[in-house]
Amino acid sequence: MPDVTVYTTESCPFCMRAKAFLDQRGVQYDEIFISRSDHAARERLVAETGGYTFPQIIIDGRNIGGWDQLSALDSAGELDALLA
């Protein structure tokens, strides 16, 4: 199984969708919660992932982006290879 990390924040429907999708697939992941008001943590998120929005999903050290990108990879048939 790949190393998967999902950065989330409160009241984030896209975070919930991404986690539910990964849960349905049986993908284990580490969730890192960042409060919307924690500006220093958001700056670290941008430095680490290049993304400022939530969720940010990292698969084996590769930032794939958020829910839209996760869904697009699945639709294109490319996600299974990343999760293998």
PDB file of N, CA and C in Angstrom:
ATOM      1  N   MET A   1       0.835  -1.191   0.000  1.00  0.00           N
ATOM      2  CA  MET A   1       0.000   0.000   0.000  1.00  0.00           C
ATOM      3  C   MET A   1       0.877   1.251   0.000  1.00  0.00           C
ATOM      4  N   PRO A   2       0.453   2.256  -0.730  1.00  0.00           N
ATOM      5  CA  PRO A   2       1.221   3.507  -0.767  1.00  0.00           C
ATOM      6  C   PRO A   2       1.030   4.314   0.515  1.00  0.00           C
ATOM      7  N   ASP A   3       1.908   5.250   0.720  1.00  0.00           N
ATOM      8  CA  ASP A   3       1.804   6.174   1.838  1.00  0.00           C
ATOM      9  C   ASP A   3       0.914   7.327   1.388  1.00  0.00           C
ATOM     10  N   VAL A   4      -0.241   7.467   2.029  1.00  0.00           N
ATOM     11  CA  VAL A   4      -1.211   8.493   1.640  1.00  0.00           C
ATOM     12  C   VAL A   4      -1.456   9.414   2.831  1.00  0.00           C
ATOM     13  N   THR A   5      -1.394  10.713   2.576  1.00  0.00           N
ATOM     14  CA  THR A   5      -1.685  11.729   3.585  1.00  0.00           C
ATOM     15  C   THR A   5      -2.739  12.659   3.023  1.00  0.00           C
ATOM     16  N   VAL A   6      -3.731  12.982   3.871  1.00  0.00           N
ATOM     17  CA  VAL A   6      -4.794  13.897   3.476  1.00  0.00           C
ATOM     18  C   VAL A   6      -4.820  15.045   4.479  1.00  0.00           C
ATOM     19  N   TYR A   7      -4.552  16.241   3.989  1.00  0.00           N
ATOM     20  CA  TYR A   7      -4.642  17.439   4.819  1.00  0.00           C
ATOM     21  C   TYR A   7      -6.085  17.948   4.751  1.00  0.00           C
ATOM     22  N   THR A   8      -6.685  18.137   5.920  1.00  0.00           N
ATOM     23  CA  THR A   8      -8.088  18.541   5.976  1.00  0.00           C
ATOM     24  C   THR A   8      -8.264  19.747   6.885  1.00  0.00           C
ATOM     25  N   THR A   9      -9.478  20.301   6.836  1.00  0.00           N
ATOM     26  CA  THR A   9      -9.853  21.387   7.726  1.00  0.00           C
ATOM     27  C   THR A   9     -11.321  21.210   8.092  1.00  0.00           C
ATOM     28  N   GLU A  10     -11.801  22.029   8.996  1.00  0.00           N
ATOM     29  CA  GLU A  10     -13.174  21.899   9.472  1.00  0.00           C
ATOM     30  C   GLU A  10     -14.188  22.310   8.410  1.00  0.00           C
ATOM     31  N   SER A  11     -15.353  21.689   8.496  1.00  0.00           N
ATOM     32  CA  SER A  11     -16.489  22.019   7.618  1.00  0.00           C
ATOM     33  C   SER A  11     -16.102  22.055   6.147  1.00  0.00           C
ATOM     34  N   CYS A  12     -15.406  21.039   5.704  1.00  0.00           N
ATOM     35  CA  CYS A  12     -14.906  21.001   4.332  1.00  0.00           C
ATOM     36  C   CYS A  12     -15.578  19.850   3.586  1.00  0.00           C
ATOM     37  N   PRO A  13     -16.577  20.156   2.741  1.00  0.00           N
ATOM     38  CA  PRO A  13     -17.259  19.071   2.039  1.00  0.00           C
ATOM     39  C   PRO A  13     -16.346  18.310   1.082  1.00  0.00           C
ATOM     40  N   PHE A  14     -15.362  18.975   0.506  1.00  0.00           N
ATOM     41  CA  PHE A  14     -14.433  18.295  -0.397  1.00  0.00           C
ATOM     42  C   PHE A  14     -13.524  17.339   0.375  1.00  0.00           C
ATOM     43  N   CYS A  15     -13.166  17.721   1.598  1.00  0.00           N
ATOM     44  CA  CYS A  15     -12.390  16.830   2.466  1.00  0.00           C
ATOM     45  C   CYS A  15     -13.201  15.584   2.784  1.00  0.00           C
ATOM     46  N   MET A  16     -14.473  15.788   3.113  1.00  0.00           N
ATOM     47  CA  MET A  16     -15.342  14.655   3.440  1.00  0.00           C
ATOM     48  C   MET A  16     -15.499  13.723   2.241  1.00  0.00           C
ATOM     49  N   ARG A  17     -15.651  14.288   1.058  1.00  0.00           N
ATOM     50  CA  ARG A  17     -15.775  13.465  -0.159  1.00  0.00           C
ATOM     51  C   ARG A  17     -14.507  12.652  -0.402  1.00  0.00           C
ATOM     52  N   ALA A  18     -13.363  13.299  -0.285  1.00  0.00           N
ATOM     53  CA  ALA A  18     -12.098  12.610  -0.539  1.00  0.00           C
ATOM     54  C   ALA A  18     -11.887  11.484   0.470  1.00  0.00           C
ATOM     55  N   LYS A  19     -12.139  11.749   1.747  1.00  0.00           N
ATOM     56  CA  LYS A  19     -11.954  10.718   2.765  1.00  0.00           C
ATOM     57  C   LYS A  19     -12.944   9.576   2.570  1.00  0.00           C
ATOM     58  N   ALA A  20     -14.197   9.887   2.245  1.00  0.00           N
ATOM     59  CA  ALA A  20     -15.194   8.841   2.013  1.00  0.00           C
ATOM     60  C   ALA A  20     -14.788   7.980   0.817  1.00  0.00           C
ATOM     61  N   PHE A  21     -14.292   8.613  -0.233  1.00  0.00           N
ATOM     62  CA  PHE A  21     -13.841   7.888  -1.420  1.00  0.00           C
ATOM     63  C   PHE A  21     -12.702   6.939  -1.068  1.00  0.00           C
ATOM     64  N   LEU A  22     -11.708   7.445  -0.346  1.00  0.00           N
ATOM     65  CA  LEU A  22     -10.572   6.609   0.040  1.00  0.00           C
ATOM     66  C   LEU A  22     -11.015   5.491   0.976  1.00  0.00           C
ATOM     67  N   ASP A  23     -11.923   5.806   1.899  1.00  0.00           N
ATOM     68  CA  ASP A  23     -12.450   4.788   2.807  1.00  0.00           C
ATOM     69  C   ASP A  23     -13.156   3.679   2.031  1.00  0.00           C
ATOM     70  N   GLN A  24     -13.970   4.055   1.048  1.00  0.00           N
ATOM     71  CA  GLN A  24     -14.687   3.066   0.241  1.00  0.00           C
ATOM     72  C   GLN A  24     -13.730   2.172  -0.529  1.00  0.00           C
ATOM     73  N   ARG A  25     -12.599   2.716  -0.915  1.00  0.00           N
ATOM     74  CA  ARG A  25     -11.590   1.949  -1.641  1.00  0.00           C
ATOM     75  C   ARG A  25     -10.708   1.129  -0.706  1.00  0.00           C
ATOM     76  N   GLY A  26     -10.864   1.327   0.598  1.00  0.00           N
ATOM     77  CA  GLY A  26     -10.031   0.608   1.560  1.00  0.00           C
ATOM     78  C   GLY A  26      -8.615   1.141   1.643  1.00  0.00           C
ATOM     79  N   VAL A  27      -8.430   2.392   1.238  1.00  0.00           N
ATOM     80  CA  VAL A  27      -7.102   3.012   1.262  1.00  0.00           C
ATOM     81  C   VAL A  27      -6.851   3.572   2.658  1.00  0.00           C
ATOM     82  N   GLN A  28      -5.768   3.142   3.266  1.00  0.00           N
ATOM     83  CA  GLN A  28      -5.381   3.696   4.556  1.00  0.00           C
ATOM     84  C   GLN A  28      -4.638   5.002   4.322  1.00  0.00           C
ATOM     85  N   TYR A  29      -4.920   5.982   5.162  1.00  0.00           N
ATOM     86  CA  TYR A  29      -4.276   7.282   5.014  1.00  0.00           C
ATOM     87  C   TYR A  29      -4.110   7.928   6.365  1.00  0.00           C
ATOM     88  N   ASP A  30      -3.152   8.825   6.431  1.00  0.00           N
ATOM     89  CA  ASP A  30      -2.961   9.665   7.605  1.00  0.00           C
ATOM     90  C   ASP A  30      -3.682  10.971   7.336  1.00  0.00           C
ATOM     91  N   GLU A  31      -4.487  11.399   8.295  1.00  0.00           N
ATOM     92  CA  GLU A  31      -5.183  12.673   8.169  1.00  0.00           C
ATOM     93  C   GLU A  31      -4.478  13.700   9.038  1.00  0.00           C
ATOM     94  N   ILE A  32      -4.160  14.821   8.440  1.00  0.00           N
ATOM     95  CA  ILE A  32      -3.576  15.934   9.183  1.00  0.00           C
ATOM     96  C   ILE A  32      -4.565  17.080   9.131  1.00  0.00           C
ATOM     97  N   PHE A  33      -5.114  17.396  10.283  1.00  0.00           N
ATOM     98  CA  PHE A  33      -6.111  18.458  10.390  1.00  0.00           C
ATOM     99  C   PHE A  33      -5.412  19.787  10.609  1.00  0.00           C
ATOM    100  N   ILE A  34      -5.811  20.784   9.832  1.00  0.00           N
ATOM    101  CA  ILE A  34      -5.288  22.140   9.986  1.00  0.00           C
ATOM    102  C   ILE A  34      -6.478  23.080  10.140  1.00  0.00           C
ATOM    103  N   SER A  35      -6.518  23.778  11.255  1.00  0.00           N
ATOM    104  CA  SER A  35      -7.579  24.741  11.490  1.00  0.00           C
ATOM    105  C   SER A  35      -7.482  25.888  10.495  1.00  0.00           C
ATOM    106  N   ARG A  36      -8.622  26.355  10.049  1.00  0.00           N
ATOM    107  CA  ARG A  36      -8.636  27.483   9.110  1.00  0.00           C
ATOM    108  C   ARG A  36      -7.971  28.727   9.695  1.00  0.00           C
ATOM    109  N   SER A  37      -7.985  28.839  11.019  1.00  0.00           N
ATOM    110  CA  SER A  37      -7.410  30.029  11.662  1.00  0.00           C
ATOM    111  C   SER A  37      -5.926  29.879  11.979  1.00  0.00           C
ATOM    112  N   ASP A  38      -5.342  28.716  11.706  1.00  0.00           N
ATOM    113  CA  ASP A  38      -3.930  28.485  11.978  1.00  0.00           C
ATOM    114  C   ASP A  38      -3.107  28.881  10.745  1.00  0.00           C
ATOM    115  N   HIS A  39      -2.791  30.154  10.671  1.00  0.00           N
ATOM    116  CA  HIS A  39      -2.117  30.686   9.487  1.00  0.00           C
ATOM    117  C   HIS A  39      -0.704  30.123   9.313  1.00  0.00           C
ATOM    118  N   ALA A  40      -0.015  29.869  10.409  1.00  0.00           N
ATOM    119  CA  ALA A  40       1.338  29.305  10.306  1.00  0.00           C
ATOM    120  C   ALA A  40       1.275  27.897   9.711  1.00  0.00           C
ATOM    121  N   ALA A  41       0.297  27.119  10.123  1.00  0.00           N
ATOM    122  CA  ALA A  41       0.148  25.759   9.580  1.00  0.00           C
ATOM    123  C   ALA A  41      -0.222  25.813   8.101  1.00  0.00           C
ATOM    124  N   ARG A  42      -1.045  26.775   7.718  1.00  0.00           N
ATOM    125  CA  ARG A  42      -1.401  26.921   6.294  1.00  0.00           C
ATOM    126  C   ARG A  42      -0.173  27.273   5.470  1.00  0.00           C
ATOM    127  N   GLU A  43       0.692  28.116   6.015  1.00  0.00           N
ATOM    128  CA  GLU A  43       1.925  28.458   5.305  1.00  0.00           C
ATOM    129  C   GLU A  43       2.813  27.228   5.146  1.00  0.00           C
ATOM    130  N   ARG A  44       2.877  26.368   6.180  1.00  0.00           N
ATOM    131  CA  ARG A  44       3.649  25.124   6.079  1.00  0.00           C
ATOM    132  C   ARG A  44       3.023  24.196   5.042  1.00  0.00           C
ATOM    133  N   LEU A  45       1.682  24.178   4.979  1.00  0.00           N
ATOM    134  CA  LEU A  45       0.981  23.363   3.987  1.00  0.00           C
ATOM    135  C   LEU A  45       1.374  23.790   2.575  1.00  0.00           C
ATOM    136  N   VAL A  46       1.362  25.078   2.338  1.00  0.00           N
ATOM    137  CA  VAL A  46       1.736  25.592   1.016  1.00  0.00           C
ATOM    138  C   VAL A  46       3.189  25.248   0.707  1.00  0.00           C
ATOM    139  N   ALA A  47       4.063  25.404   1.687  1.00  0.00           N
ATOM    140  CA  ALA A  47       5.477  25.094   1.468  1.00  0.00           C
ATOM    141  C   ALA A  47       5.676  23.615   1.156  1.00  0.00           C
ATOM    142  N   GLU A  48       4.910  22.756   1.820  1.00  0.00           N
ATOM    143  CA  GLU A  48       5.083  21.312   1.634  1.00  0.00           C
ATOM    144  C   GLU A  48       4.387  20.792   0.380  1.00  0.00           C
ATOM    145  N   THR A  49       3.183  21.310   0.085  1.00  0.00           N
ATOM    146  CA  THR A  49       2.376  20.728  -0.993  1.00  0.00           C
ATOM    147  C   THR A  49       2.252  21.617  -2.215  1.00  0.00           C
ATOM    148  N   GLY A  50       2.476  22.909  -2.037  1.00  0.00           N
ATOM    149  CA  GLY A  50       2.253  23.846  -3.132  1.00  0.00           C
ATOM    150  C   GLY A  50       0.795  24.258  -3.248  1.00  0.00           C
ATOM    151  N   GLY A  51      -0.066  23.684  -2.412  1.00  0.00           N
ATOM    152  CA  GLY A  51      -1.494  23.999  -2.450  1.00  0.00           C
ATOM    153  C   GLY A  51      -1.951  24.698  -1.187  1.00  0.00           C
ATOM    154  N   TYR A  52      -2.944  25.569  -1.342  1.00  0.00           N
ATOM    155  CA  TYR A  52      -3.463  26.347  -0.216  1.00  0.00           C
ATOM    156  C   TYR A  52      -4.867  25.904   0.172  1.00  0.00           C
ATOM    157  N   THR A  53      -5.534  25.187  -0.727  1.00  0.00           N
ATOM    158  CA  THR A  53      -6.911  24.775  -0.489  1.00  0.00           C
ATOM    159  C   THR A  53      -6.953  23.381   0.143  1.00  0.00           C
ATOM    160  N   PHE A  54      -8.136  23.006   0.594  1.00  0.00           N
ATOM    161  CA  PHE A  54      -8.332  21.702   1.227  1.00  0.00           C
ATOM    162  C   PHE A  54      -9.324  20.884   0.426  1.00  0.00           C
ATOM    163  N   PRO A  55      -9.121  19.575   0.411  1.00  0.00           N
ATOM    164  CA  PRO A  55      -7.991  18.852   0.970  1.00  0.00           C
ATOM    165  C   PRO A  55      -6.768  18.966   0.061  1.00  0.00           C
ATOM    166  N   GLN A  56      -5.644  18.595   0.604  1.00  0.00           N
ATOM    167  CA  GLN A  56      -4.438  18.354  -0.181  1.00  0.00           C
ATOM    168  C   GLN A  56      -4.104  16.894   0.047  1.00  0.00           C
ATOM    169  N   ILE A  57      -3.942  16.151  -1.029  1.00  0.00           N
ATOM    170  CA  ILE A  57      -3.751  14.705  -0.947  1.00  0.00           C
ATOM    171  C   ILE A  57      -2.372  14.362  -1.504  1.00  0.00           C
ATOM    172  N   ILE A  58      -1.599  13.665  -0.689  1.00  0.00           N
ATOM    173  CA  ILE A  58      -0.244  13.270  -1.046  1.00  0.00           C
ATOM    174  C   ILE A  58      -0.214  11.742  -1.151  1.00  0.00           C
ATOM    175  N   ILE A  59       0.240  11.228  -2.281  1.00  0.00           N
ATOM    176  CA  ILE A  59       0.379   9.784  -2.462  1.00  0.00           C
ATOM    177  C   ILE A  59       1.846   9.497  -2.757  1.00  0.00           C
ATOM    178  N   ASP A  60       2.475   8.764  -1.844  1.00  0.00           N
ATOM    179  CA  ASP A  60       3.902   8.436  -1.966  1.00  0.00           C
ATOM    180  C   ASP A  60       4.756   9.664  -2.281  1.00  0.00           C
ATOM    181  N   GLY A  61       4.516  10.726  -1.549  1.00  0.00           N
ATOM    182  CA  GLY A  61       5.315  11.937  -1.690  1.00  0.00           C
ATOM    183  C   GLY A  61       4.921  12.839  -2.844  1.00  0.00           C
ATOM    184  N   ARG A  62       3.934  12.426  -3.618  1.00  0.00           N
ATOM    185  CA  ARG A  62       3.493  13.224  -4.774  1.00  0.00           C
ATOM    186  C   ARG A  62       2.173  13.922  -4.437  1.00  0.00           C
ATOM    187  N   ASN A  63       2.175  15.241  -4.496  1.00  0.00           N
ATOM    188  CA  ASN A  63       0.934  15.970  -4.252  1.00  0.00           C
ATOM    189  C   ASN A  63       0.055  15.856  -5.488  1.00  0.00           C
ATOM    190  N   ILE A  64      -1.105  15.239  -5.317  1.00  0.00           N
ATOM    191  CA  ILE A  64      -2.005  15.124  -6.462  1.00  0.00           C
ATOM    192  C   ILE A  64      -3.048  16.224  -6.469  1.00  0.00           C
ATOM    193  N   GLY A  65      -3.109  17.034  -5.406  1.00  0.00           N
ATOM    194  CA  GLY A  65      -4.080  18.116  -5.336  1.00  0.00           C
ATOM    195  C   GLY A  65      -5.214  17.763  -4.397  1.00  0.00           C
ATOM    196  N   GLY A  66      -6.414  18.167  -4.771  1.00  0.00           N
ATOM    197  CA  GLY A  66      -7.572  17.980  -3.911  1.00  0.00           C
ATOM    198  C   GLY A  66      -8.567  16.976  -4.459  1.00  0.00           C
ATOM    199  N   TRP A  67      -9.815  17.126  -4.022  1.00  0.00           N
ATOM    200  CA  TRP A  67     -10.868  16.196  -4.414  1.00  0.00           C
ATOM    201  C   TRP A  67     -11.055  16.148  -5.930  1.00  0.00           C
ATOM    202  N   ASP A  68     -11.080  17.294  -6.575  1.00  0.00           N
ATOM    203  CA  ASP A  68     -11.295  17.313  -8.031  1.00  0.00           C
ATOM    204  C   ASP A  68     -10.213  16.521  -8.759  1.00  0.00           C
ATOM    205  N   GLN A  69      -8.979  16.681  -8.342  1.00  0.00           N
ATOM    206  CA  GLN A  69      -7.877  15.980  -8.991  1.00  0.00           C
ATOM    207  C   GLN A  69      -7.922  14.479  -8.675  1.00  0.00           C
ATOM    208  N   LEU A  70      -8.286  14.134  -7.440  1.00  0.00           N
ATOM    209  CA  LEU A  70      -8.430  12.726  -7.074  1.00  0.00           C
ATOM    210  C   LEU A  70      -9.497  12.059  -7.928  1.00  0.00           C
ATOM    211  N   SER A  71     -10.617  12.719  -8.059  1.00  0.00           N
ATOM    212  CA  SER A  71     -11.719  12.198  -8.862  1.00  0.00           C
ATOM    213  C   SER A  71     -11.327  12.091 -10.340  1.00  0.00           C
ATOM    214  N   ALA A  72     -10.614  13.090 -10.842  1.00  0.00           N
ATOM    215  CA  ALA A  72     -10.190  13.080 -12.246  1.00  0.00           C
ATOM    216  C   ALA A  72      -9.211  11.934 -12.513  1.00  0.00           C
ATOM    217  N   LEU A  73      -8.297  11.693 -11.578  1.00  0.00           N
ATOM    218  CA  LEU A  73      -7.364  10.572 -11.739  1.00  0.00           C
ATOM    219  C   LEU A  73      -8.115   9.251 -11.782  1.00  0.00           C
ATOM    220  N   ASP A  74      -9.137   9.144 -10.947  1.00  0.00           N
ATOM    221  CA  ASP A  74      -9.952   7.920 -10.941  1.00  0.00           C
ATOM    222  C   ASP A  74     -10.693   7.768 -12.260  1.00  0.00           C
ATOM    223  N   SER A  75     -11.317   8.834 -12.724  1.00  0.00           N
ATOM    224  CA  SER A  75     -12.066   8.791 -13.983  1.00  0.00           C
ATOM    225  C   SER A  75     -11.178   8.455 -15.182  1.00  0.00           C
ATOM    226  N   ALA A  76      -9.931   8.909 -15.130  1.00  0.00           N
ATOM    227  CA  ALA A  76      -8.989   8.645 -16.216  1.00  0.00           C
ATOM    228  C   ALA A  76      -8.349   7.261 -16.111  1.00  0.00           C
ATOM    229  N   GLY A  77      -8.663   6.531 -15.043  1.00  0.00           N
ATOM    230  CA  GLY A  77      -8.105   5.205 -14.866  1.00  0.00           C
ATOM    231  C   GLY A  77      -6.665   5.208 -14.384  1.00  0.00           C
ATOM    232  N   GLU A  78      -6.194   6.335 -13.849  1.00  0.00           N
ATOM    233  CA  GLU A  78      -4.800   6.454 -13.420  1.00  0.00           C
ATOM    234  C   GLU A  78      -4.608   6.284 -11.922  1.00  0.00           C
ATOM    235  N   LEU A  79      -5.690   6.341 -11.164  1.00  0.00           N
ATOM    236  CA  LEU A  79      -5.565   6.313  -9.707  1.00  0.00           C
ATOM    237  C   LEU A  79      -5.139   4.937  -9.196  1.00  0.00           C
ATOM    238  N   ASP A  80      -5.679   3.876  -9.775  1.00  0.00           N
ATOM    239  CA  ASP A  80      -5.337   2.536  -9.301  1.00  0.00           C
ATOM    240  C   ASP A  80      -3.840   2.279  -9.328  1.00  0.00           C
ATOM    241  N   ALA A  81      -3.159   2.756 -10.355  1.00  0.00           N
ATOM    242  CA  ALA A  81      -1.710   2.566 -10.444  1.00  0.00           C
ATOM    243  C   ALA A  81      -0.992   3.309  -9.316  1.00  0.00           C
ATOM    244  N   LEU A  82      -1.488   4.483  -8.954  1.00  0.00           N
ATOM    245  CA  LEU A  82      -0.868   5.236  -7.873  1.00  0.00           C
ATOM    246  C   LEU A  82      -1.093   4.569  -6.514  1.00  0.00           C
ATOM    247  N   LEU A  83      -2.239   3.895  -6.382  1.00  0.00           N
ATOM    248  CA  LEU A  83      -2.593   3.270  -5.114  1.00  0.00           C
ATOM    249  C   LEU A  83      -2.119   1.825  -4.999  1.00  0.00           C
ATOM    250  N   ALA A  84      -1.529   1.298  -6.075  1.00  0.00           N
ATOM    251  CA  ALA A  84      -1.081  -0.107  -6.061  1.00  0.00           C
ATOM    252  C   ALA A  84       0.187  -0.289  -5.261  1.00  0.00           C
TER     253      ALA A  84
END
